[in-house]
Amino acid sequence: MTVAHPYIMIAGPTASGKSQLAIDLAKQCGGAVINADSMQLYADLSILTARPQPHEMQDVPHHLFGVFDAAHRASVAEWLDHAATAIASVRAAGQLPIIIGGTGMYLQAGLRGIAPVPDVPPATHQQCVDMYKRLGGAKFRDAL
């Protein structure tokens, strides 16, 4: 996300009025709202996270709200990939991206990117799980 391609970013704590501000701005300037809150990505957490209700989202395009099942383990890197796609789609439609969230890590990743980190191979993950089960929490941490 660069200044060469304008966007609006709104940050703040849960239930601080970010969503309504984003919707109002989107209506005024022909924008679309893109979620940058880690918990609002999940479909099952709408009330807990103060996600905008369907009737609040009907007049303005919204992206990345409730897109994952609760069993899915999303990462900031995955969000960044989805956000880049959403931003490109919003711009292609001639709209202004309005990125909204309270998750600082996601907002920072959107502004500055993230360092490339390779995926952990499933076998390595399983070795760590097995080691944790065998040693217990305290000894596992000491071993690390």
N, C-alpha and C. Protein backbone atom coordinates (compact mmCIF):
# COMPACT_ATOMS: atom_id res chain seq x y z
N MET A 1 0.85 -1.17 0.00
CA MET A 1 0.00 0.00 0.00
C MET A 1 0.90 1.23 0.00
N THR A 2 0.81 2.01 -1.05
CA THR A 2 1.69 3.17 -1.16
C THR A 2 0.88 4.42 -1.39
N VAL A 3 1.53 5.56 -1.17
CA VAL A 3 0.88 6.85 -1.38
C VAL A 3 0.52 7.04 -2.84
N ALA A 4 1.29 6.43 -3.74
CA ALA A 4 1.00 6.55 -5.17
C ALA A 4 -0.40 6.02 -5.50
N HIS A 5 -0.87 5.14 -4.67
CA HIS A 5 -2.22 4.60 -4.81
C HIS A 5 -2.96 4.91 -3.52
N PRO A 6 -3.75 5.98 -3.50
CA PRO A 6 -4.35 6.42 -2.24
C PRO A 6 -5.31 5.40 -1.62
N TYR A 7 -5.37 5.47 -0.33
CA TYR A 7 -6.30 4.67 0.46
C TYR A 7 -6.51 5.41 1.77
N ILE A 8 -7.52 5.01 2.50
CA ILE A 8 -7.77 5.53 3.84
C ILE A 8 -7.60 4.37 4.80
N MET A 9 -6.91 4.61 5.92
CA MET A 9 -6.76 3.59 6.94
C MET A 9 -7.34 4.14 8.24
N ILE A 10 -8.24 3.38 8.84
CA ILE A 10 -8.88 3.76 10.09
C ILE A 10 -8.52 2.71 11.14
N ALA A 11 -7.94 3.16 12.26
CA ALA A 11 -7.54 2.24 13.32
C ALA A 11 -8.14 2.70 14.64
N GLY A 12 -8.35 1.74 15.53
CA GLY A 12 -8.87 2.07 16.85
C GLY A 12 -9.35 0.83 17.56
N PRO A 13 -9.70 0.97 18.84
CA PRO A 13 -10.15 -0.18 19.62
C PRO A 13 -11.54 -0.65 19.21
N THR A 14 -11.89 -1.85 19.66
CA THR A 14 -13.20 -2.42 19.39
C THR A 14 -14.31 -1.48 19.86
N ALA A 15 -15.35 -1.38 19.05
CA ALA A 15 -16.56 -0.60 19.36
C ALA A 15 -16.28 0.89 19.55
N SER A 16 -15.30 1.42 18.79
CA SER A 16 -14.98 2.84 18.90
C SER A 16 -15.59 3.69 17.79
N GLY A 17 -16.37 3.05 16.89
CA GLY A 17 -17.02 3.79 15.82
C GLY A 17 -16.30 3.73 14.48
N LYS A 18 -15.29 2.88 14.37
CA LYS A 18 -14.54 2.77 13.11
C LYS A 18 -15.43 2.35 11.96
N SER A 19 -16.28 1.37 12.19
CA SER A 19 -17.11 0.84 11.11
C SER A 19 -18.05 1.89 10.55
N GLN A 20 -18.71 2.63 11.43
CA GLN A 20 -19.64 3.65 10.96
C GLN A 20 -18.91 4.75 10.22
N LEU A 21 -17.74 5.14 10.72
CA LEU A 21 -16.93 6.15 10.04
C LEU A 21 -16.54 5.66 8.65
N ALA A 22 -16.11 4.40 8.56
CA ALA A 22 -15.71 3.83 7.26
C ALA A 22 -16.88 3.81 6.29
N ILE A 23 -18.05 3.42 6.77
CA ILE A 23 -19.24 3.37 5.91
C ILE A 23 -19.61 4.78 5.44
N ASP A 24 -19.59 5.74 6.36
CA ASP A 24 -19.91 7.12 5.99
C ASP A 24 -18.92 7.66 4.95
N LEU A 25 -17.64 7.40 5.16
CA LEU A 25 -16.63 7.85 4.19
C LEU A 25 -16.81 7.16 2.84
N ALA A 26 -17.08 5.87 2.87
CA ALA A 26 -17.27 5.12 1.62
C ALA A 26 -18.45 5.68 0.83
N LYS A 27 -19.51 6.05 1.52
CA LYS A 27 -20.67 6.63 0.83
C LYS A 27 -20.32 7.98 0.23
N GLN A 28 -19.53 8.78 0.95
CA GLN A 28 -19.19 10.12 0.48
C GLN A 28 -18.18 10.12 -0.67
N CYS A 29 -17.25 9.19 -0.65
CA CYS A 29 -16.17 9.26 -1.64
C CYS A 29 -16.12 8.05 -2.57
N GLY A 30 -17.16 7.24 -2.59
CA GLY A 30 -17.17 6.10 -3.49
C GLY A 30 -16.14 5.05 -3.12
N GLY A 31 -16.11 4.69 -1.86
CA GLY A 31 -15.12 3.74 -1.38
C GLY A 31 -15.70 2.38 -1.07
N ALA A 32 -14.82 1.47 -0.70
CA ALA A 32 -15.19 0.13 -0.25
C ALA A 32 -14.38 -0.17 1.00
N VAL A 33 -15.00 -0.86 1.95
CA VAL A 33 -14.39 -1.14 3.24
C VAL A 33 -13.67 -2.49 3.19
N ILE A 34 -12.42 -2.50 3.66
CA ILE A 34 -11.62 -3.72 3.71
C ILE A 34 -11.21 -3.97 5.16
N ASN A 35 -11.56 -5.14 5.68
CA ASN A 35 -11.29 -5.49 7.06
C ASN A 35 -9.81 -5.77 7.31
N ALA A 36 -9.27 -5.21 8.40
CA ALA A 36 -7.91 -5.51 8.86
C ALA A 36 -7.93 -5.87 10.34
N ASP A 37 -9.00 -6.52 10.77
CA ASP A 37 -9.12 -6.99 12.15
C ASP A 37 -9.03 -8.51 12.14
N SER A 38 -8.07 -9.05 12.85
CA SER A 38 -7.82 -10.50 12.80
C SER A 38 -9.03 -11.34 13.18
N MET A 39 -9.84 -10.89 14.11
CA MET A 39 -10.97 -11.69 14.57
C MET A 39 -12.20 -11.52 13.67
N GLN A 40 -12.33 -10.37 13.02
CA GLN A 40 -13.48 -10.16 12.15
C GLN A 40 -13.36 -10.94 10.84
N LEU A 41 -12.23 -11.57 10.62
CA LEU A 41 -12.08 -12.47 9.47
C LEU A 41 -12.96 -13.71 9.62
N TYR A 42 -13.30 -14.05 10.87
CA TYR A 42 -14.00 -15.30 11.15
C TYR A 42 -15.52 -15.12 11.15
N ALA A 43 -16.20 -16.00 10.43
CA ALA A 43 -17.65 -15.92 10.29
C ALA A 43 -18.37 -16.08 11.62
N ASP A 44 -17.84 -16.91 12.49
CA ASP A 44 -18.54 -17.26 13.73
C ASP A 44 -18.39 -16.23 14.84
N LEU A 45 -17.64 -15.17 14.63
CA LEU A 45 -17.33 -14.24 15.72
C LEU A 45 -17.93 -12.85 15.51
N SER A 46 -19.04 -12.75 14.82
CA SER A 46 -19.57 -11.42 14.49
C SER A 46 -19.96 -10.60 15.71
N ILE A 47 -20.63 -11.19 16.67
CA ILE A 47 -21.07 -10.42 17.84
C ILE A 47 -19.89 -10.11 18.76
N LEU A 48 -19.07 -11.10 19.02
CA LEU A 48 -17.92 -10.95 19.91
C LEU A 48 -16.97 -9.85 19.45
N THR A 49 -16.85 -9.65 18.15
CA THR A 49 -15.89 -8.69 17.61
C THR A 49 -16.51 -7.36 17.20
N ALA A 50 -17.79 -7.18 17.42
CA ALA A 50 -18.50 -5.96 17.02
C ALA A 50 -18.41 -5.72 15.52
N ARG A 51 -18.43 -6.83 14.75
CA ARG A 51 -18.41 -6.71 13.29
C ARG A 51 -19.70 -6.04 12.83
N PRO A 52 -19.63 -5.19 11.80
CA PRO A 52 -20.86 -4.57 11.29
C PRO A 52 -21.89 -5.64 10.92
N GLN A 53 -23.12 -5.36 11.20
CA GLN A 53 -24.22 -6.27 10.89
C GLN A 53 -24.54 -6.21 9.39
N PRO A 54 -25.15 -7.26 8.85
CA PRO A 54 -25.45 -7.28 7.40
C PRO A 54 -26.19 -6.04 6.92
N HIS A 55 -27.16 -5.55 7.69
CA HIS A 55 -27.91 -4.37 7.24
C HIS A 55 -27.03 -3.12 7.21
N GLU A 56 -25.98 -3.09 8.02
CA GLU A 56 -25.06 -1.96 8.02
C GLU A 56 -24.11 -2.01 6.82
N MET A 57 -23.88 -3.21 6.30
CA MET A 57 -22.93 -3.38 5.20
C MET A 57 -23.59 -3.36 3.82
N GLN A 58 -24.91 -3.24 3.76
CA GLN A 58 -25.60 -3.43 2.48
C GLN A 58 -25.42 -2.28 1.49
N ASP A 59 -25.13 -1.07 1.96
CA ASP A 59 -25.04 0.08 1.04
C ASP A 59 -23.63 0.32 0.50
N VAL A 60 -22.65 -0.36 1.05
CA VAL A 60 -21.25 -0.13 0.69
C VAL A 60 -20.56 -1.49 0.56
N PRO A 61 -19.72 -1.68 -0.46
CA PRO A 61 -19.00 -2.96 -0.56
C PRO A 61 -18.08 -3.18 0.64
N HIS A 62 -18.11 -4.38 1.17
CA HIS A 62 -17.24 -4.78 2.29
C HIS A 62 -16.45 -6.02 1.87
N HIS A 63 -15.19 -6.07 2.27
CA HIS A 63 -14.32 -7.19 1.93
C HIS A 63 -13.64 -7.74 3.18
N LEU A 64 -13.46 -9.05 3.22
CA LEU A 64 -12.72 -9.77 4.26
C LEU A 64 -13.39 -9.74 5.63
N PHE A 65 -14.68 -9.69 5.65
CA PHE A 65 -15.44 -9.83 6.89
C PHE A 65 -16.09 -11.21 6.89
N GLY A 66 -15.83 -12.02 7.92
CA GLY A 66 -16.46 -13.33 8.04
C GLY A 66 -16.11 -14.29 6.93
N VAL A 67 -14.88 -14.28 6.46
CA VAL A 67 -14.50 -15.11 5.32
C VAL A 67 -13.96 -16.48 5.71
N PHE A 68 -13.61 -16.68 6.98
CA PHE A 68 -13.05 -17.95 7.41
C PHE A 68 -13.93 -18.62 8.46
N ASP A 69 -13.93 -19.94 8.44
CA ASP A 69 -14.54 -20.74 9.49
C ASP A 69 -13.65 -20.64 10.74
N ALA A 70 -14.24 -20.78 11.91
CA ALA A 70 -13.48 -20.65 13.15
C ALA A 70 -12.35 -21.66 13.27
N ALA A 71 -12.46 -22.79 12.60
CA ALA A 71 -11.42 -23.82 12.67
C ALA A 71 -10.18 -23.45 11.85
N HIS A 72 -10.32 -22.47 10.95
CA HIS A 72 -9.20 -22.06 10.10
C HIS A 72 -8.23 -21.20 10.91
N ARG A 73 -6.94 -21.45 10.77
CA ARG A 73 -5.92 -20.66 11.45
C ARG A 73 -5.33 -19.66 10.47
N ALA A 74 -5.89 -18.47 10.43
CA ALA A 74 -5.40 -17.44 9.51
C ALA A 74 -4.13 -16.80 10.08
N SER A 75 -3.30 -16.30 9.20
CA SER A 75 -2.07 -15.61 9.61
C SER A 75 -2.08 -14.20 9.02
N VAL A 76 -1.20 -13.37 9.52
CA VAL A 76 -1.10 -12.02 8.96
C VAL A 76 -0.65 -12.09 7.50
N ALA A 77 0.19 -13.06 7.16
CA ALA A 77 0.62 -13.21 5.76
C ALA A 77 -0.56 -13.58 4.87
N GLU A 78 -1.42 -14.47 5.35
CA GLU A 78 -2.60 -14.84 4.57
C GLU A 78 -3.53 -13.64 4.41
N TRP A 79 -3.74 -12.89 5.50
CA TRP A 79 -4.57 -11.69 5.40
C TRP A 79 -3.98 -10.73 4.38
N LEU A 80 -2.66 -10.54 4.42
CA LEU A 80 -2.02 -9.60 3.51
C LEU A 80 -2.25 -9.99 2.06
N ASP A 81 -2.18 -11.29 1.76
CA ASP A 81 -2.47 -11.76 0.40
C ASP A 81 -3.91 -11.46 0.01
N HIS A 82 -4.85 -11.77 0.90
CA HIS A 82 -6.27 -11.51 0.62
C HIS A 82 -6.53 -10.00 0.52
N ALA A 83 -5.88 -9.23 1.38
CA ALA A 83 -6.07 -7.77 1.35
C ALA A 83 -5.56 -7.18 0.04
N ALA A 84 -4.41 -7.66 -0.44
CA ALA A 84 -3.88 -7.16 -1.71
C ALA A 84 -4.85 -7.44 -2.85
N THR A 85 -5.45 -8.63 -2.84
CA THR A 85 -6.44 -8.98 -3.87
C THR A 85 -7.67 -8.08 -3.75
N ALA A 86 -8.14 -7.87 -2.51
CA ALA A 86 -9.32 -7.02 -2.30
C ALA A 86 -9.04 -5.58 -2.73
N ILE A 87 -7.88 -5.07 -2.38
CA ILE A 87 -7.51 -3.69 -2.75
C ILE A 87 -7.46 -3.55 -4.26
N ALA A 88 -6.86 -4.51 -4.94
CA ALA A 88 -6.80 -4.47 -6.40
C ALA A 88 -8.20 -4.50 -7.00
N SER A 89 -9.07 -5.32 -6.45
CA SER A 89 -10.46 -5.41 -6.92
C SER A 89 -11.20 -4.10 -6.71
N VAL A 90 -11.01 -3.50 -5.55
CA VAL A 90 -11.66 -2.22 -5.23
C VAL A 90 -11.17 -1.14 -6.19
N ARG A 91 -9.88 -1.08 -6.41
CA ARG A 91 -9.33 -0.07 -7.33
C ARG A 91 -9.79 -0.31 -8.76
N ALA A 92 -9.86 -1.58 -9.16
CA ALA A 92 -10.33 -1.90 -10.52
C ALA A 92 -11.76 -1.45 -10.72
N ALA A 93 -12.54 -1.42 -9.64
CA ALA A 93 -13.93 -0.96 -9.71
C ALA A 93 -14.03 0.56 -9.62
N GLY A 94 -12.87 1.24 -9.55
CA GLY A 94 -12.87 2.70 -9.47
C GLY A 94 -13.23 3.23 -8.09
N GLN A 95 -13.04 2.41 -7.07
CA GLN A 95 -13.39 2.80 -5.71
C GLN A 95 -12.13 3.05 -4.88
N LEU A 96 -12.29 3.76 -3.79
CA LEU A 96 -11.21 4.06 -2.86
C LEU A 96 -11.19 3.00 -1.76
N PRO A 97 -10.06 2.31 -1.56
CA PRO A 97 -9.98 1.34 -0.46
C PRO A 97 -9.98 2.06 0.90
N ILE A 98 -10.85 1.60 1.79
CA ILE A 98 -10.90 2.10 3.16
C ILE A 98 -10.59 0.91 4.05
N ILE A 99 -9.39 0.88 4.58
CA ILE A 99 -8.91 -0.25 5.37
C ILE A 99 -9.17 0.06 6.83
N ILE A 100 -9.84 -0.86 7.50
CA ILE A 100 -10.32 -0.60 8.85
C ILE A 100 -9.96 -1.74 9.77
N GLY A 101 -9.44 -1.40 10.95
CA GLY A 101 -9.14 -2.46 11.89
C GLY A 101 -8.57 -1.99 13.20
N GLY A 102 -8.50 -2.94 14.10
CA GLY A 102 -7.93 -2.67 15.41
C GLY A 102 -6.75 -3.57 15.69
N THR A 103 -6.36 -4.38 14.71
CA THR A 103 -5.24 -5.29 14.90
C THR A 103 -3.98 -4.63 14.37
N GLY A 104 -3.17 -4.10 15.28
CA GLY A 104 -1.98 -3.35 14.89
C GLY A 104 -1.04 -4.11 13.99
N MET A 105 -0.88 -5.41 14.25
CA MET A 105 0.03 -6.20 13.43
C MET A 105 -0.44 -6.24 11.98
N TYR A 106 -1.74 -6.36 11.76
CA TYR A 106 -2.28 -6.40 10.40
C TYR A 106 -2.10 -5.04 9.73
N LEU A 107 -2.38 -3.98 10.47
CA LEU A 107 -2.24 -2.64 9.90
C LEU A 107 -0.77 -2.35 9.56
N GLN A 108 0.14 -2.72 10.45
CA GLN A 108 1.57 -2.53 10.19
C GLN A 108 2.01 -3.34 8.97
N ALA A 109 1.52 -4.57 8.86
CA ALA A 109 1.86 -5.40 7.69
C ALA A 109 1.35 -4.74 6.42
N GLY A 110 0.16 -4.15 6.48
CA GLY A 110 -0.38 -3.46 5.32
C GLY A 110 0.46 -2.25 4.93
N LEU A 111 0.99 -1.56 5.91
CA LEU A 111 1.80 -0.37 5.65
C LEU A 111 3.23 -0.70 5.23
N ARG A 112 3.82 -1.69 5.89
CA ARG A 112 5.25 -1.94 5.71
C ARG A 112 5.59 -3.31 5.13
N GLY A 113 4.60 -4.18 5.03
CA GLY A 113 4.88 -5.54 4.58
C GLY A 113 5.42 -6.38 5.72
N ILE A 114 5.75 -7.62 5.41
CA ILE A 114 6.30 -8.52 6.42
C ILE A 114 7.52 -9.23 5.84
N ALA A 115 8.38 -9.67 6.73
CA ALA A 115 9.55 -10.43 6.29
C ALA A 115 9.09 -11.78 5.77
N PRO A 116 9.73 -12.27 4.72
CA PRO A 116 9.34 -13.59 4.21
C PRO A 116 9.72 -14.68 5.21
N VAL A 117 8.74 -15.48 5.58
CA VAL A 117 8.95 -16.59 6.51
C VAL A 117 8.40 -17.84 5.84
N PRO A 118 9.23 -18.86 5.69
CA PRO A 118 8.73 -20.08 5.04
C PRO A 118 7.72 -20.80 5.92
N ASP A 119 6.84 -21.56 5.29
CA ASP A 119 5.91 -22.39 6.03
C ASP A 119 6.68 -23.45 6.81
N VAL A 120 6.14 -23.84 7.95
CA VAL A 120 6.72 -24.92 8.74
C VAL A 120 6.25 -26.23 8.12
N PRO A 121 7.19 -27.10 7.75
CA PRO A 121 6.77 -28.39 7.17
C PRO A 121 5.92 -29.18 8.17
N PRO A 122 4.89 -29.87 7.70
CA PRO A 122 4.01 -30.63 8.60
C PRO A 122 4.77 -31.59 9.51
N ALA A 123 5.82 -32.23 9.01
CA ALA A 123 6.59 -33.17 9.84
C ALA A 123 7.27 -32.45 11.00
N THR A 124 7.79 -31.26 10.75
CA THR A 124 8.44 -30.48 11.81
C THR A 124 7.41 -30.05 12.85
N HIS A 125 6.26 -29.62 12.39
CA HIS A 125 5.18 -29.24 13.30
C HIS A 125 4.80 -30.42 14.19
N GLN A 126 4.64 -31.58 13.59
CA GLN A 126 4.25 -32.77 14.36
C GLN A 126 5.33 -33.15 15.37
N GLN A 127 6.60 -33.01 14.99
CA GLN A 127 7.70 -33.30 15.93
C GLN A 127 7.60 -32.39 17.15
N CYS A 128 7.29 -31.14 16.94
CA CYS A 128 7.16 -30.19 18.05
C CYS A 128 5.96 -30.53 18.92
N VAL A 129 4.85 -30.88 18.31
CA VAL A 129 3.66 -31.28 19.08
C VAL A 129 3.98 -32.50 19.93
N ASP A 130 4.63 -33.50 19.33
CA ASP A 130 4.98 -34.72 20.06
C ASP A 130 5.93 -34.41 21.21
N MET A 131 6.90 -33.55 20.96
CA MET A 131 7.86 -33.17 22.00
C MET A 131 7.16 -32.46 23.15
N TYR A 132 6.22 -31.57 22.82
CA TYR A 132 5.46 -30.86 23.85
C TYR A 132 4.67 -31.84 24.70
N LYS A 133 4.02 -32.79 24.05
CA LYS A 133 3.24 -33.79 24.79
C LYS A 133 4.14 -34.63 25.69
N ARG A 134 5.32 -34.96 25.21
CA ARG A 134 6.24 -35.81 25.97
C ARG A 134 6.87 -35.05 27.15
N LEU A 135 7.25 -33.79 26.94
CA LEU A 135 7.97 -33.03 27.96
C LEU A 135 7.07 -32.20 28.87
N GLY A 136 5.92 -31.78 28.36
CA GLY A 136 5.10 -30.83 29.10
C GLY A 136 5.54 -29.40 28.81
N GLY A 137 4.71 -28.46 29.20
CA GLY A 137 4.94 -27.06 28.84
C GLY A 137 6.25 -26.47 29.30
N ALA A 138 6.57 -26.59 30.60
CA ALA A 138 7.77 -25.94 31.15
C ALA A 138 9.05 -26.52 30.54
N LYS A 139 9.16 -27.84 30.49
CA LYS A 139 10.37 -28.47 29.94
C LYS A 139 10.49 -28.22 28.44
N PHE A 140 9.35 -28.15 27.75
CA PHE A 140 9.37 -27.85 26.32
C PHE A 140 9.95 -26.46 26.09
N ARG A 141 9.46 -25.48 26.86
CA ARG A 141 9.97 -24.10 26.74
C ARG A 141 11.47 -24.05 27.05
N ASP A 142 11.89 -24.79 28.09
CA ASP A 142 13.32 -24.81 28.43
C ASP A 142 14.15 -25.39 27.30
N ALA A 143 13.60 -26.41 26.63
CA ALA A 143 14.32 -27.05 25.52
C ALA A 143 14.48 -26.10 24.34
N LEU A 144 13.53 -25.19 24.19
CA LEU A 144 13.62 -24.24 23.08
C LEU A 144 14.69 -23.21 23.37
